[in-house]
C-alpha atoms as a PDB file:
ATOM      1  CA  MET A   1      -9.063  15.465  26.641  1.00  0.00           C
ATOM      2  CA  PRO A   2     -11.086  15.137  23.438  1.00  0.00           C
ATOM      3  CA  THR A   3     -12.074  11.589  22.536  1.00  0.00           C
ATOM      4  CA  SER A   4     -13.281  12.069  18.996  1.00  0.00           C
ATOM      5  CA  GLY A   5     -12.699  14.266  15.975  1.00  0.00           C
ATOM      6  CA  GLU A   6     -16.035  15.953  16.591  1.00  0.00           C
ATOM      7  CA  GLU A   7     -14.892  17.240  19.968  1.00  0.00           C
ATOM      8  CA  VAL A   8     -11.867  18.947  18.448  1.00  0.00           C
ATOM      9  CA  GLY A   9     -14.002  20.454  15.707  1.00  0.00           C
ATOM     10  CA  GLU A  10     -12.644  18.284  12.906  1.00  0.00           C
ATOM     11  CA  HIS A  11     -15.352  15.700  12.288  1.00  0.00           C
ATOM     12  CA  GLY A  12     -16.129  15.210   8.619  1.00  0.00           C
ATOM     13  CA  GLU A  13     -13.964  18.110   7.425  1.00  0.00           C
ATOM     14  CA  GLY A  14     -13.575  17.665   3.670  1.00  0.00           C
ATOM     15  CA  GLN A  15     -15.406  14.340   3.653  1.00  0.00           C
ATOM     16  CA  SER A  16     -17.532  13.715   0.563  1.00  0.00           C
ATOM     17  CA  ARG A  17     -19.873  11.247   2.258  1.00  0.00           C
ATOM     18  CA  PHE A  18     -20.438   9.333   5.506  1.00  0.00           C
ATOM     19  CA  TYR A  19     -18.434   6.260   4.387  1.00  0.00           C
ATOM     20  CA  ALA A  20     -15.656   8.190   2.694  1.00  0.00           C
ATOM     21  CA  PRO A  21     -13.257   6.436   0.334  1.00  0.00           C
ATOM     22  CA  GLY A  22      -9.901   5.302   1.709  1.00  0.00           C
ATOM     23  CA  ALA A  23      -7.951   8.109   0.018  1.00  0.00           C
ATOM     24  CA  GLU A  24     -10.124  10.720   1.772  1.00  0.00           C
ATOM     25  CA  LEU A  25      -9.704   8.996   5.133  1.00  0.00           C
ATOM     26  CA  LYS A  26      -5.933   8.893   4.648  1.00  0.00           C
ATOM     27  CA  LYS A  27      -5.822  12.591   3.709  1.00  0.00           C
ATOM     28  CA  TYR A  28      -7.966  13.471   6.747  1.00  0.00           C
ATOM     29  CA  SER A  29      -5.718  11.436   9.082  1.00  0.00           C
ATOM     30  CA  GLU A  30      -2.612  13.122   7.707  1.00  0.00           C
ATOM     31  CA  HIS A  31      -4.243  16.547   8.150  1.00  0.00           C
ATOM     32  CA  ILE A  32      -5.073  15.836  11.807  1.00  0.00           C
ATOM     33  CA  ALA A  33      -1.588  14.449  12.503  1.00  0.00           C
ATOM     34  CA  GLN A  34       0.024  17.560  11.025  1.00  0.00           C
ATOM     35  CA  LYS A  35      -2.347  20.092  12.556  1.00  0.00           C
ATOM     36  CA  TYR A  36      -1.937  18.717  16.077  1.00  0.00           C
ATOM     37  CA  ASP A  37       1.752  17.750  15.673  1.00  0.00           C
ATOM     38  CA  LEU A  38       1.006  14.117  16.457  1.00  0.00           C
ATOM     39  CA  ARG A  39       3.592  12.408  14.243  1.00  0.00           C
ATOM     40  CA  ARG A  40       6.436  13.190  16.643  1.00  0.00           C
ATOM     41  CA  ARG A  41       4.647  11.046  19.233  1.00  0.00           C
ATOM     42  CA  MET A  42       3.678   8.188  16.911  1.00  0.00           C
ATOM     43  CA  ARG A  43       5.395   4.832  16.599  1.00  0.00           C
ATOM     44  CA  PHE A  44       4.869   2.790  13.452  1.00  0.00           C
ATOM     45  CA  ASN A  45       5.635  -0.865  12.737  1.00  0.00           C
ATOM     46  CA  SER A  46       6.188  -1.561  16.419  1.00  0.00           C
ATOM     47  CA  VAL A  47       5.142  -4.650  18.300  1.00  0.00           C
ATOM     48  CA  VAL A  48       3.721  -3.911  21.739  1.00  0.00           C
ATOM     49  CA  LEU A  49       4.540  -6.780  24.062  1.00  0.00           C
ATOM     50  CA  GLY A  50       2.454  -5.486  26.933  1.00  0.00           C
ATOM     51  CA  ALA A  51       1.349  -2.502  28.957  1.00  0.00           C
ATOM     52  CA  ARG A  52       0.858  -2.129  32.674  1.00  0.00           C
ATOM     53  CA  TRP A  53      -0.516   0.728  34.727  1.00  0.00           C
ATOM     54  CA  ASP A  54       1.801   2.116  37.425  1.00  0.00           C
ATOM     55  CA  GLU A  55      -0.652   2.974  40.175  1.00  0.00           C
ATOM     56  CA  ASP A  56       1.826   5.025  42.239  1.00  0.00           C
ATOM     57  CA  ASP A  57       3.074   7.274  39.428  1.00  0.00           C
ATOM     58  CA  GLU A  58      -0.173   7.130  37.434  1.00  0.00           C
ATOM     59  CA  TYR A  59       1.193   6.281  34.002  1.00  0.00           C
ATOM     60  CA  TRP A  60       1.442   3.351  31.637  1.00  0.00           C
ATOM     61  CA  ILE A  61       4.661   1.428  31.117  1.00  0.00           C
ATOM     62  CA  VAL A  62       4.598   0.031  27.586  1.00  0.00           C
ATOM     63  CA  SER A  63       6.990  -2.749  26.572  1.00  0.00           C
ATOM     64  CA  ILE A  64       7.917  -2.637  22.890  1.00  0.00           C
ATOM     65  CA  ALA A  65       9.831  -5.350  21.017  1.00  0.00           C
ATOM     66  CA  ASP A  66      13.326  -4.290  19.919  1.00  0.00           C
ATOM     67  CA  SER A  67      13.040  -1.010  21.826  1.00  0.00           C
ATOM     68  CA  GLU A  68      13.172   0.448  25.303  1.00  0.00           C
ATOM     69  CA  SER A  69       9.946   0.615  27.267  1.00  0.00           C
ATOM     70  CA  ILE A  70       8.128   3.933  27.193  1.00  0.00           C
ATOM     71  CA  THR A  71       5.854   5.611  29.687  1.00  0.00           C
ATOM     72  CA  ALA A  72       2.646   7.421  28.845  1.00  0.00           C
ATOM     73  CA  ARG A  73      -0.286   9.020  30.592  1.00  0.00           C
ATOM     74  CA  TYR A  74      -2.621   7.852  27.800  1.00  0.00           C
ATOM     75  CA  ILE A  75      -2.511   5.002  25.287  1.00  0.00           C
ATOM     76  CA  LEU A  76      -4.303   5.388  21.975  1.00  0.00           C
ATOM     77  CA  THR A  77      -4.322   2.053  20.219  1.00  0.00           C
ATOM     78  CA  ALA A  78      -4.411   1.952  16.463  1.00  0.00           C
ATOM     79  CA  THR A  79      -3.854  -1.753  16.128  1.00  0.00           C
ATOM     80  CA  ASP A  80      -6.484  -2.145  13.434  1.00  0.00           C
ATOM     81  CA  PHE A  81      -7.565  -5.668  14.242  1.00  0.00           C
ATOM     82  CA  LEU A  82      -9.194  -5.780  10.825  1.00  0.00           C
ATOM     83  CA  SER A  83      -5.797  -5.529   9.146  1.00  0.00           C
ATOM     84  CA  GLN A  84      -5.251  -9.148  10.094  1.00  0.00           C
ATOM     85  CA  PRO A  85      -7.226 -10.991   7.440  1.00  0.00           C
ATOM     86  CA  ARG A  86      -9.835 -13.375   8.753  1.00  0.00           C
ATOM     87  CA  MET A  87     -10.991 -15.697   6.062  1.00  0.00           C
ATOM     88  CA  PRO A  88     -14.589 -16.830   6.445  1.00  0.00           C
ATOM     89  CA  ASP A  89     -15.159 -20.354   7.662  1.00  0.00           C
ATOM     90  CA  ILE A  90     -16.789 -21.709   4.507  1.00  0.00           C
ATOM     91  CA  SER A  91     -16.735 -25.409   3.812  1.00  0.00           C
ATOM     92  CA  GLY A  92     -14.765 -26.068   0.617  1.00  0.00           C
ATOM     93  CA  ILE A  93     -13.032 -22.659   0.445  1.00  0.00           C
ATOM     94  CA  GLU A  94      -9.642 -24.383   0.330  1.00  0.00           C
ATOM     95  CA  THR A  95     -10.559 -26.078  -2.961  1.00  0.00           C
ATOM     96  CA  PHE A  96     -12.169 -23.014  -4.580  1.00  0.00           C
ATOM     97  CA  ALA A  97     -10.604 -22.654  -8.044  1.00  0.00           C
ATOM     98  CA  GLY A  98     -11.209 -18.909  -8.421  1.00  0.00           C
ATOM     99  CA  MET A  99      -9.261 -15.969  -7.062  1.00  0.00           C
ATOM    100  CA  ILE A 100      -9.720 -15.067  -3.379  1.00  0.00           C
ATOM    101  CA  ILE A 101      -8.715 -11.522  -2.444  1.00  0.00           C
ATOM    102  CA  HIS A 102      -9.020 -10.157   1.073  1.00  0.00           C
ATOM    103  CA  THR A 103      -9.459  -6.364   1.216  1.00  0.00           C
ATOM    104  CA  THR A 104      -6.507  -6.032   3.589  1.00  0.00           C
ATOM    105  CA  LYS A 105      -4.246  -7.692   1.025  1.00  0.00           C
ATOM    106  CA  TRP A 106      -5.774  -6.340  -2.174  1.00  0.00           C
ATOM    107  CA  ASP A 107      -4.243  -7.517  -5.456  1.00  0.00           C
ATOM    108  CA  TYR A 108      -4.402  -4.382  -7.620  1.00  0.00           C
ATOM    109  CA  SER A 109      -3.098  -6.296 -10.632  1.00  0.00           C
ATOM    110  CA  TYR A 110      -6.183  -8.521 -10.776  1.00  0.00           C
ATOM    111  CA  ASP A 111      -8.771  -7.206 -13.246  1.00  0.00           C
ATOM    112  CA  LEU A 112     -12.377  -7.833 -12.207  1.00  0.00           C
ATOM    113  CA  THR A 113     -13.858  -6.654 -15.523  1.00  0.00           C
ATOM    114  CA  ASN A 114     -16.520  -9.086 -16.778  1.00  0.00           C
ATOM    115  CA  ARG A 115     -16.181 -11.263 -13.683  1.00  0.00           C
ATOM    116  CA  GLN A 116     -18.713 -12.595 -11.207  1.00  0.00           C
ATOM    117  CA  VAL A 117     -17.627 -11.359  -7.765  1.00  0.00           C
ATOM    118  CA  ALA A 118     -18.884 -12.450  -4.354  1.00  0.00           C
ATOM    119  CA  VAL A 119     -18.339  -9.850  -1.635  1.00  0.00           C
ATOM    120  CA  ILE A 120     -18.474 -11.407   1.805  1.00  0.00           C
ATOM    121  CA  GLY A 121     -19.316  -8.745   4.383  1.00  0.00           C
ATOM    122  CA  THR A 122     -21.458  -5.625   4.492  1.00  0.00           C
ATOM    123  CA  GLY A 123     -19.440  -3.325   6.752  1.00  0.00           C
ATOM    124  CA  ALA A 124     -17.657  -0.063   6.011  1.00  0.00           C
ATOM    125  CA  THR A 125     -15.134  -1.744   3.709  1.00  0.00           C
ATOM    126  CA  ALA A 126     -17.915  -3.224   1.593  1.00  0.00           C
ATOM    127  CA  VAL A 127     -19.625   0.168   1.443  1.00  0.00           C
ATOM    128  CA  GLN A 128     -16.419   1.561  -0.084  1.00  0.00           C
ATOM    129  CA  LEU A 129     -15.558  -1.459  -2.229  1.00  0.00           C
ATOM    130  CA  ILE A 130     -18.842  -2.270  -3.962  1.00  0.00           C
ATOM    131  CA  PRO A 131     -19.592   1.116  -5.604  1.00  0.00           C
ATOM    132  CA  ARG A 132     -15.945   1.475  -6.634  1.00  0.00           C
ATOM    133  CA  SER A 133     -15.818  -1.999  -8.126  1.00  0.00           C
ATOM    134  CA  HIS A 134     -18.719  -1.197 -10.458  1.00  0.00           C
ATOM    135  CA  ARG A 135     -17.038   2.037 -11.589  1.00  0.00           C
ATOM    136  CA  ASN A 136     -13.568   0.544 -12.049  1.00  0.00           C
ATOM    137  CA  TRP A 137     -14.436  -2.844 -13.516  1.00  0.00           C
ATOM    138  CA  PRO A 138     -17.169  -2.560 -16.151  1.00  0.00           C
ATOM    139  CA  ASN A 139     -19.591  -5.431 -16.478  1.00  0.00           C
ATOM    140  CA  SER A 140     -18.495  -7.055 -13.237  1.00  0.00           C
ATOM    141  CA  ARG A 141     -21.407  -8.637 -11.385  1.00  0.00           C
ATOM    142  CA  SER A 142     -21.475  -8.707  -7.593  1.00  0.00           C
ATOM    143  CA  THR A 143     -23.250 -10.920  -5.123  1.00  0.00           C
ATOM    144  CA  ILE A 144     -23.115  -9.550  -1.593  1.00  0.00           C
ATOM    145  CA  VAL A 145     -23.122 -12.050   1.278  1.00  0.00           C
ATOM    146  CA  ARG A 146     -23.559 -10.905   4.853  1.00  0.00           C
ATOM    147  CA  ARG A 147     -21.382 -12.907   7.170  1.00  0.00           C
ATOM    148  CA  SER A 148     -22.391 -13.562  10.756  1.00  0.00           C
ATOM    149  CA  GLY A 149     -20.499 -14.091  13.977  1.00  0.00           C
END
């Protein structure tokens, strides 16, 4: 069974750059789901309570809140642990008078034009956010802070 897009011949198809913008990633994901008829097997907005391997029958038994359990030979998790905002442990952050926006809960109504912005983190999200912020919000000034741990 293929374990990555590259093994099914789809890696980077239509991608403008290595860290593609979110809209491109969404379009790519939708393309793969349609091409391989995956949506009929997907469950969205479900809370998995647990999963256990049935050694005798060789499949997973997955308990889902507000639903019957399901069985599966494979489990592909798309829990996106990064979708749960983790605010940095910075002394005094609770008294900061400015706006704090986490990328997982972006406030599109907030205009960053002519603002001093501190971006905490240098991962893939920052690679997408920083160039876009300079295009979309003229005269904004960014300070990038790499967080550790």
